[in-house]
Amino acid sequence: MTSPRAQAMPMAAMPRTTIARRLEIEDPSPYLVGGELLLTAGVRLPPDAAGVDTYVRRVVAAGVCALGFGVAPVHDEVPAELVAACDRHGLPLLRLPPATPFVAVGQATYAAIGEARNRALREISRAQSALAAAAARPDALRAVLAQLSEHTGAWAVLHDARGNELFSAGPRPAPPTPGRVRDLAVRTLVRVRTGSGARSAPAAAADPRAASI
């Protein structure tokens, strides 16, 4: 099978695909659940630019991750109106060369999904082992923070009850992120202390640029 080629691709990364489906109807949106790689040969693709734009807008609203368009025998090439509409609505468009079985595309998609899941599970297992080993070291706090930062790719920080920074690991984000993380840690500790079963402990906090324990 010849490899699919990206015909129109937005700047943002392609969302995660969870299933590959073929639908040859003018409005497939009622039959979509989101996360699909939608496959079509354009059998019922609208003949005008406005209709194509409506088709793409509907599948994007339904949560389709990407559109795979099979070239031949219905269309000799991916219609320019479809390329433009996908680019306009930010929908990744893959050109499937002639004689590319949709079944093979589905099989390749499921294999890639399975490998991605297995890779994530392997990474989780490695991180758990590394954190457990770090927790057993004499310098457990520093070691755990270092492993947390390494496996998340983020700055990890530990605060005491007053918001003082005890230890940190990883690239420190630029202000005002460290201050916001500290404030969040203090507020979180206050809520924990006032809740049931609370106990005094060092507080840690995080934002999208910081990891914590």
C-alpha atoms as a PDB file:
ATOM      1  CA  MET A   1       0.000   0.000   0.000  1.00  0.00           C
ATOM      2  CA  THR A   2       1.364   3.398  -0.959  1.00  0.00           C
ATOM      3  CA  SER A   3       1.682   5.704   2.032  1.00  0.00           C
ATOM      4  CA  PRO A   4      -0.993   8.388   2.399  1.00  0.00           C
ATOM      5  CA  ARG A   5       0.181  11.928   1.754  1.00  0.00           C
ATOM      6  CA  ALA A   6      -0.840  15.003   3.706  1.00  0.00           C
ATOM      7  CA  GLN A   7      -2.853  17.193   1.334  1.00  0.00           C
ATOM      8  CA  ALA A   8      -3.948  19.882   3.778  1.00  0.00           C
ATOM      9  CA  MET A   9      -2.638  20.087   7.322  1.00  0.00           C
ATOM     10  CA  PRO A  10      -3.192  22.830   9.911  1.00  0.00           C
ATOM     11  CA  MET A  11      -0.311  24.227  11.912  1.00  0.00           C
ATOM     12  CA  ALA A  12      -1.569  22.647  15.125  1.00  0.00           C
ATOM     13  CA  ALA A  13      -0.761  19.013  15.773  1.00  0.00           C
ATOM     14  CA  MET A  14      -3.296  16.485  14.558  1.00  0.00           C
ATOM     15  CA  PRO A  15      -5.660  15.439  17.367  1.00  0.00           C
ATOM     16  CA  ARG A  16      -5.473  11.874  18.619  1.00  0.00           C
ATOM     17  CA  THR A  17      -7.415   9.449  16.431  1.00  0.00           C
ATOM     18  CA  THR A  18      -9.390   6.685  18.130  1.00  0.00           C
ATOM     19  CA  ILE A  19     -11.084   4.939  15.180  1.00  0.00           C
ATOM     20  CA  ALA A  20     -11.150   4.810  11.368  1.00  0.00           C
ATOM     21  CA  ARG A  21     -14.544   4.801   9.649  1.00  0.00           C
ATOM     22  CA  ARG A  22     -15.785   4.955   6.065  1.00  0.00           C
ATOM     23  CA  LEU A  23     -18.993   6.860   5.387  1.00  0.00           C
ATOM     24  CA  GLU A  24     -20.305   7.800   1.948  1.00  0.00           C
ATOM     25  CA  ILE A  25     -23.219  10.104   2.749  1.00  0.00           C
ATOM     26  CA  GLU A  26     -23.739  13.823   2.277  1.00  0.00           C
ATOM     27  CA  ASP A  27     -23.982  14.500   6.007  1.00  0.00           C
ATOM     28  CA  PRO A  28     -22.170  11.867   8.081  1.00  0.00           C
ATOM     29  CA  SER A  29     -22.223  13.949  11.275  1.00  0.00           C
ATOM     30  CA  PRO A  30     -25.207  12.123  12.903  1.00  0.00           C
ATOM     31  CA  TYR A  31     -23.215   8.885  12.721  1.00  0.00           C
ATOM     32  CA  LEU A  32     -19.975  10.219  14.219  1.00  0.00           C
ATOM     33  CA  VAL A  33     -18.944  10.141  17.869  1.00  0.00           C
ATOM     34  CA  GLY A  34     -15.696  12.121  17.647  1.00  0.00           C
ATOM     35  CA  GLY A  35     -12.083  11.068  17.279  1.00  0.00           C
ATOM     36  CA  GLU A  36     -12.553   9.449  13.856  1.00  0.00           C
ATOM     37  CA  LEU A  37     -10.276   9.278  10.871  1.00  0.00           C
ATOM     38  CA  LEU A  38     -13.119   9.618   8.373  1.00  0.00           C
ATOM     39  CA  LEU A  39     -12.522   7.780   5.089  1.00  0.00           C
ATOM     40  CA  THR A  40     -14.347   8.626   1.874  1.00  0.00           C
ATOM     41  CA  ALA A  41     -13.967   8.270  -1.866  1.00  0.00           C
ATOM     42  CA  GLY A  42     -16.189  11.299  -2.372  1.00  0.00           C
ATOM     43  CA  VAL A  43     -19.138   9.286  -3.698  1.00  0.00           C
ATOM     44  CA  ARG A  44     -21.658  11.703  -2.166  1.00  0.00           C
ATOM     45  CA  LEU A  45     -19.393  14.737  -1.869  1.00  0.00           C
ATOM     46  CA  PRO A  46     -21.370  17.890  -2.760  1.00  0.00           C
ATOM     47  CA  PRO A  47     -20.535  19.175  -6.268  1.00  0.00           C
ATOM     48  CA  ASP A  48     -20.160  22.858  -5.322  1.00  0.00           C
ATOM     49  CA  ALA A  49     -17.793  24.757  -3.031  1.00  0.00           C
ATOM     50  CA  ALA A  50     -20.545  25.847  -0.636  1.00  0.00           C
ATOM     51  CA  GLY A  51     -21.748  22.278  -0.199  1.00  0.00           C
ATOM     52  CA  VAL A  52     -18.202  21.015   0.376  1.00  0.00           C
ATOM     53  CA  ASP A  53     -17.634  23.713   2.960  1.00  0.00           C
ATOM     54  CA  THR A  54     -20.823  22.668   4.771  1.00  0.00           C
ATOM     55  CA  TYR A  55     -19.726  19.028   4.674  1.00  0.00           C
ATOM     56  CA  VAL A  56     -16.330  19.829   6.221  1.00  0.00           C
ATOM     57  CA  ARG A  57     -17.833  22.197   8.801  1.00  0.00           C
ATOM     58  CA  ARG A  58     -20.264  19.509   9.937  1.00  0.00           C
ATOM     59  CA  VAL A  59     -17.669  16.753  10.330  1.00  0.00           C
ATOM     60  CA  VAL A  60     -15.354  19.119  12.199  1.00  0.00           C
ATOM     61  CA  ALA A  61     -18.205  20.026  14.550  1.00  0.00           C
ATOM     62  CA  ALA A  62     -18.822  16.296  15.059  1.00  0.00           C
ATOM     63  CA  GLY A  63     -15.236  15.863  16.270  1.00  0.00           C
ATOM     64  CA  VAL A  64     -13.569  14.181  13.297  1.00  0.00           C
ATOM     65  CA  CYS A  65      -9.782  14.225  13.703  1.00  0.00           C
ATOM     66  CA  ALA A  66      -8.842  13.878  10.043  1.00  0.00           C
ATOM     67  CA  LEU A  67     -10.302  13.141   6.623  1.00  0.00           C
ATOM     68  CA  GLY A  68      -8.823  10.473   4.374  1.00  0.00           C
ATOM     69  CA  PHE A  69      -9.804  10.977   0.730  1.00  0.00           C
ATOM     70  CA  GLY A  70      -9.381   8.050  -1.652  1.00  0.00           C
ATOM     71  CA  VAL A  71      -8.360   9.107  -5.154  1.00  0.00           C
ATOM     72  CA  ALA A  72     -10.032   7.150  -8.019  1.00  0.00           C
ATOM     73  CA  PRO A  73     -12.289   5.858  -9.317  1.00  0.00           C
ATOM     74  CA  VAL A  74     -14.804   8.564  -8.337  1.00  0.00           C
ATOM     75  CA  HIS A  75     -12.393  11.506  -8.391  1.00  0.00           C
ATOM     76  CA  ASP A  76      -9.144  11.664 -10.338  1.00  0.00           C
ATOM     77  CA  GLU A  77      -7.674  13.947  -7.673  1.00  0.00           C
ATOM     78  CA  VAL A  78      -8.637  15.496  -4.362  1.00  0.00           C
ATOM     79  CA  PRO A  79     -11.059  18.309  -5.258  1.00  0.00           C
ATOM     80  CA  ALA A  80      -9.567  21.767  -4.777  1.00  0.00           C
ATOM     81  CA  GLU A  81     -12.738  22.840  -2.977  1.00  0.00           C
ATOM     82  CA  LEU A  82     -12.179  20.103  -0.404  1.00  0.00           C
ATOM     83  CA  VAL A  83      -8.546  21.079   0.131  1.00  0.00           C
ATOM     84  CA  ALA A  84      -9.559  24.700   0.637  1.00  0.00           C
ATOM     85  CA  ALA A  85     -12.403  23.828   3.016  1.00  0.00           C
ATOM     86  CA  CYS A  86     -10.217  21.544   5.138  1.00  0.00           C
ATOM     87  CA  ASP A  87      -7.561  24.227   5.337  1.00  0.00           C
ATOM     88  CA  ARG A  88     -10.174  26.831   6.248  1.00  0.00           C
ATOM     89  CA  HIS A  89     -11.695  24.732   9.050  1.00  0.00           C
ATOM     90  CA  GLY A  90      -8.410  23.272  10.314  1.00  0.00           C
ATOM     91  CA  LEU A  91      -9.195  19.660   9.361  1.00  0.00           C
ATOM     92  CA  PRO A  92      -6.182  17.483   8.456  1.00  0.00           C
ATOM     93  CA  LEU A  93      -6.697  15.980   4.990  1.00  0.00           C
ATOM     94  CA  LEU A  94      -4.891  12.865   3.790  1.00  0.00           C
ATOM     95  CA  ARG A  95      -4.700  11.921   0.113  1.00  0.00           C
ATOM     96  CA  LEU A  96      -4.999   8.162  -0.265  1.00  0.00           C
ATOM     97  CA  PRO A  97      -3.404   7.061  -3.573  1.00  0.00           C
ATOM     98  CA  PRO A  98      -5.361   4.981  -6.106  1.00  0.00           C
ATOM     99  CA  ALA A  99      -5.864   1.309  -5.244  1.00  0.00           C
ATOM    100  CA  THR A 100      -5.357   1.981  -1.528  1.00  0.00           C
ATOM    101  CA  PRO A 101      -7.797  -0.316   0.328  1.00  0.00           C
ATOM    102  CA  PHE A 102      -9.668   1.498   3.073  1.00  0.00           C
ATOM    103  CA  VAL A 103      -9.477  -1.714   5.081  1.00  0.00           C
ATOM    104  CA  ALA A 104      -5.681  -1.469   4.999  1.00  0.00           C
ATOM    105  CA  VAL A 105      -5.863   2.142   6.148  1.00  0.00           C
ATOM    106  CA  GLY A 106      -8.058   1.071   9.045  1.00  0.00           C
ATOM    107  CA  GLN A 107      -5.677  -1.733   9.983  1.00  0.00           C
ATOM    108  CA  ALA A 108      -2.703   0.627   9.929  1.00  0.00           C
ATOM    109  CA  THR A 109      -4.642   3.136  12.041  1.00  0.00           C
ATOM    110  CA  TYR A 110      -5.537   0.559  14.681  1.00  0.00           C
ATOM    111  CA  ALA A 111      -1.950  -0.708  14.775  1.00  0.00           C
ATOM    112  CA  ALA A 112      -0.680   2.827  15.349  1.00  0.00           C
ATOM    113  CA  ILE A 113      -3.297   3.439  18.058  1.00  0.00           C
ATOM    114  CA  GLY A 114      -2.306   0.212  19.807  1.00  0.00           C
ATOM    115  CA  GLU A 115       1.379   1.059  19.670  1.00  0.00           C
ATOM    116  CA  ALA A 116       0.730   4.537  21.067  1.00  0.00           C
ATOM    117  CA  ARG A 117      -1.228   3.059  23.974  1.00  0.00           C
ATOM    118  CA  ASN A 118       1.466   0.474  24.676  1.00  0.00           C
ATOM    119  CA  ARG A 119       4.143   3.165  24.533  1.00  0.00           C
ATOM    120  CA  ALA A 120       2.217   5.261  27.062  1.00  0.00           C
ATOM    121  CA  LEU A 121       1.814   2.254  29.366  1.00  0.00           C
ATOM    122  CA  ARG A 122       5.522   1.474  29.138  1.00  0.00           C
ATOM    123  CA  GLU A 123       6.373   5.057  29.998  1.00  0.00           C
ATOM    124  CA  ILE A 124       3.997   5.007  32.990  1.00  0.00           C
ATOM    125  CA  SER A 125       5.599   1.784  34.215  1.00  0.00           C
ATOM    126  CA  ARG A 126       9.099   3.237  33.873  1.00  0.00           C
ATOM    127  CA  ALA A 127       8.062   6.400  35.707  1.00  0.00           C
ATOM    128  CA  GLN A 128       6.475   4.429  38.543  1.00  0.00           C
ATOM    129  CA  SER A 129       9.603   2.328  38.978  1.00  0.00           C
ATOM    130  CA  ALA A 130      11.839   5.397  38.914  1.00  0.00           C
ATOM    131  CA  LEU A 131       9.694   7.230  41.483  1.00  0.00           C
ATOM    132  CA  ALA A 132       9.613   4.197  43.785  1.00  0.00           C
ATOM    133  CA  ALA A 133      13.389   3.866  43.620  1.00  0.00           C
ATOM    134  CA  ALA A 134      13.823   7.594  44.254  1.00  0.00           C
ATOM    135  CA  ALA A 135      11.526   7.456  47.292  1.00  0.00           C
ATOM    136  CA  ALA A 136      13.789   4.822  48.848  1.00  0.00           C
ATOM    137  CA  ARG A 137      16.906   6.995  48.650  1.00  0.00           C
ATOM    138  CA  PRO A 138      18.244   8.970  51.627  1.00  0.00           C
ATOM    139  CA  ASP A 139      17.558  12.217  49.744  1.00  0.00           C
ATOM    140  CA  ALA A 140      14.054  11.068  48.837  1.00  0.00           C
ATOM    141  CA  LEU A 141      12.441  14.494  48.338  1.00  0.00           C
ATOM    142  CA  ARG A 142      15.094  15.774  45.965  1.00  0.00           C
ATOM    143  CA  ALA A 143      15.262  12.451  44.135  1.00  0.00           C
ATOM    144  CA  VAL A 144      11.505  12.194  43.663  1.00  0.00           C
ATOM    145  CA  LEU A 145      11.300  15.773  42.394  1.00  0.00           C
ATOM    146  CA  ALA A 146      14.113  15.079  39.927  1.00  0.00           C
ATOM    147  CA  GLN A 147      12.355  11.981  38.573  1.00  0.00           C
ATOM    148  CA  LEU A 148       9.016  13.770  38.424  1.00  0.00           C
ATOM    149  CA  SER A 149      10.533  16.576  36.398  1.00  0.00           C
ATOM    150  CA  GLU A 150      12.338  14.161  34.099  1.00  0.00           C
ATOM    151  CA  HIS A 151       9.262  12.098  33.301  1.00  0.00           C
ATOM    152  CA  THR A 152       6.846  15.010  32.894  1.00  0.00           C
ATOM    153  CA  GLY A 153       9.235  17.409  31.206  1.00  0.00           C
ATOM    154  CA  ALA A 154       8.111  20.133  33.612  1.00  0.00           C
ATOM    155  CA  TRP A 155       9.450  22.123  36.532  1.00  0.00           C
ATOM    156  CA  ALA A 156       8.725  20.319  39.817  1.00  0.00           C
ATOM    157  CA  VAL A 157       8.656  22.188  43.137  1.00  0.00           C
ATOM    158  CA  LEU A 158       7.926  21.420  46.783  1.00  0.00           C
ATOM    159  CA  HIS A 159       6.756  24.117  49.221  1.00  0.00           C
ATOM    160  CA  ASP A 160       6.403  24.106  52.971  1.00  0.00           C
ATOM    161  CA  ALA A 161       3.295  25.177  54.860  1.00  0.00           C
ATOM    162  CA  ARG A 162       4.232  28.865  54.579  1.00  0.00           C
ATOM    163  CA  GLY A 163       4.858  28.755  50.888  1.00  0.00           C
ATOM    164  CA  ASN A 164       8.628  28.675  51.119  1.00  0.00           C
ATOM    165  CA  GLU A 165      10.290  26.732  48.339  1.00  0.00           C
ATOM    166  CA  LEU A 166      12.070  23.683  49.745  1.00  0.00           C
ATOM    167  CA  PHE A 167      13.312  21.908  46.631  1.00  0.00           C
ATOM    168  CA  SER A 168      12.801  22.124  42.894  1.00  0.00           C
ATOM    169  CA  ALA A 169      13.960  20.302  39.795  1.00  0.00           C
ATOM    170  CA  GLY A 170      13.927  20.962  36.086  1.00  0.00           C
ATOM    171  CA  PRO A 171      14.012  24.205  34.102  1.00  0.00           C
ATOM    172  CA  ARG A 172      12.556  26.999  36.187  1.00  0.00           C
ATOM    173  CA  PRO A 173       9.767  28.864  34.375  1.00  0.00           C
ATOM    174  CA  ALA A 174       9.904  32.611  33.973  1.00  0.00           C
ATOM    175  CA  PRO A 175       7.998  34.914  36.330  1.00  0.00           C
ATOM    176  CA  PRO A 176       5.227  35.157  37.329  1.00  0.00           C
ATOM    177  CA  THR A 177       4.729  31.354  37.163  1.00  0.00           C
ATOM    178  CA  PRO A 178       6.784  30.438  40.292  1.00  0.00           C
ATOM    179  CA  GLY A 179       4.871  32.985  42.377  1.00  0.00           C
ATOM    180  CA  ARG A 180       1.522  31.761  41.111  1.00  0.00           C
ATOM    181  CA  VAL A 181       2.484  28.170  41.879  1.00  0.00           C
ATOM    182  CA  ARG A 182       3.497  29.196  45.410  1.00  0.00           C
ATOM    183  CA  ASP A 183       0.200  31.019  45.959  1.00  0.00           C
ATOM    184  CA  LEU A 184      -1.734  28.019  44.691  1.00  0.00           C
ATOM    185  CA  ALA A 185       0.195  25.751  47.069  1.00  0.00           C
ATOM    186  CA  VAL A 186      -0.669  27.927  50.060  1.00  0.00           C
ATOM    187  CA  ARG A 187      -4.352  28.145  49.107  1.00  0.00           C
ATOM    188  CA  THR A 188      -4.497  24.386  48.570  1.00  0.00           C
ATOM    189  CA  LEU A 189      -2.965  23.700  51.967  1.00  0.00           C
ATOM    190  CA  VAL A 190      -5.498  25.990  53.641  1.00  0.00           C
ATOM    191  CA  ARG A 191      -8.366  24.076  52.018  1.00  0.00           C
ATOM    192  CA  VAL A 192      -6.856  20.745  53.036  1.00  0.00           C
ATOM    193  CA  ARG A 193      -6.396  21.860  56.632  1.00  0.00           C
ATOM    194  CA  THR A 194      -9.997  23.004  56.909  1.00  0.00           C
ATOM    195  CA  GLY A 195     -11.341  19.796  55.375  1.00  0.00           C
ATOM    196  CA  SER A 196     -12.076  16.485  57.077  1.00  0.00           C
ATOM    197  CA  GLY A 197      -9.121  14.221  57.820  1.00  0.00           C
ATOM    198  CA  ALA A 198      -6.598  16.971  57.068  1.00  0.00           C
ATOM    199  CA  ARG A 199      -3.093  16.773  58.397  1.00  0.00           C
ATOM    200  CA  SER A 200      -0.115  19.090  58.254  1.00  0.00           C
ATOM    201  CA  ALA A 201       2.226  18.384  55.353  1.00  0.00           C
ATOM    202  CA  PRO A 202       4.456  20.235  52.896  1.00  0.00           C
ATOM    203  CA  ALA A 203       2.379  21.637  50.092  1.00  0.00           C
ATOM    204  CA  ALA A 204       3.103  21.309  46.396  1.00  0.00           C
ATOM    205  CA  ALA A 205       1.361  23.027  43.499  1.00  0.00           C
ATOM    206  CA  ALA A 206       1.332  23.021  39.743  1.00  0.00           C
ATOM    207  CA  ASP A 207       0.249  24.926  36.672  1.00  0.00           C
ATOM    208  CA  PRO A 208       0.618  23.960  32.983  1.00  0.00           C
ATOM    209  CA  ARG A 209       4.336  24.759  33.198  1.00  0.00           C
ATOM    210  CA  ALA A 210       5.042  23.108  36.560  1.00  0.00           C
ATOM    211  CA  ALA A 211       4.713  19.611  37.962  1.00  0.00           C
ATOM    212  CA  SER A 212       4.376  18.773  41.624  1.00  0.00           C
ATOM    213  CA  ILE A 213       4.086  16.015  44.186  1.00  0.00           C
END
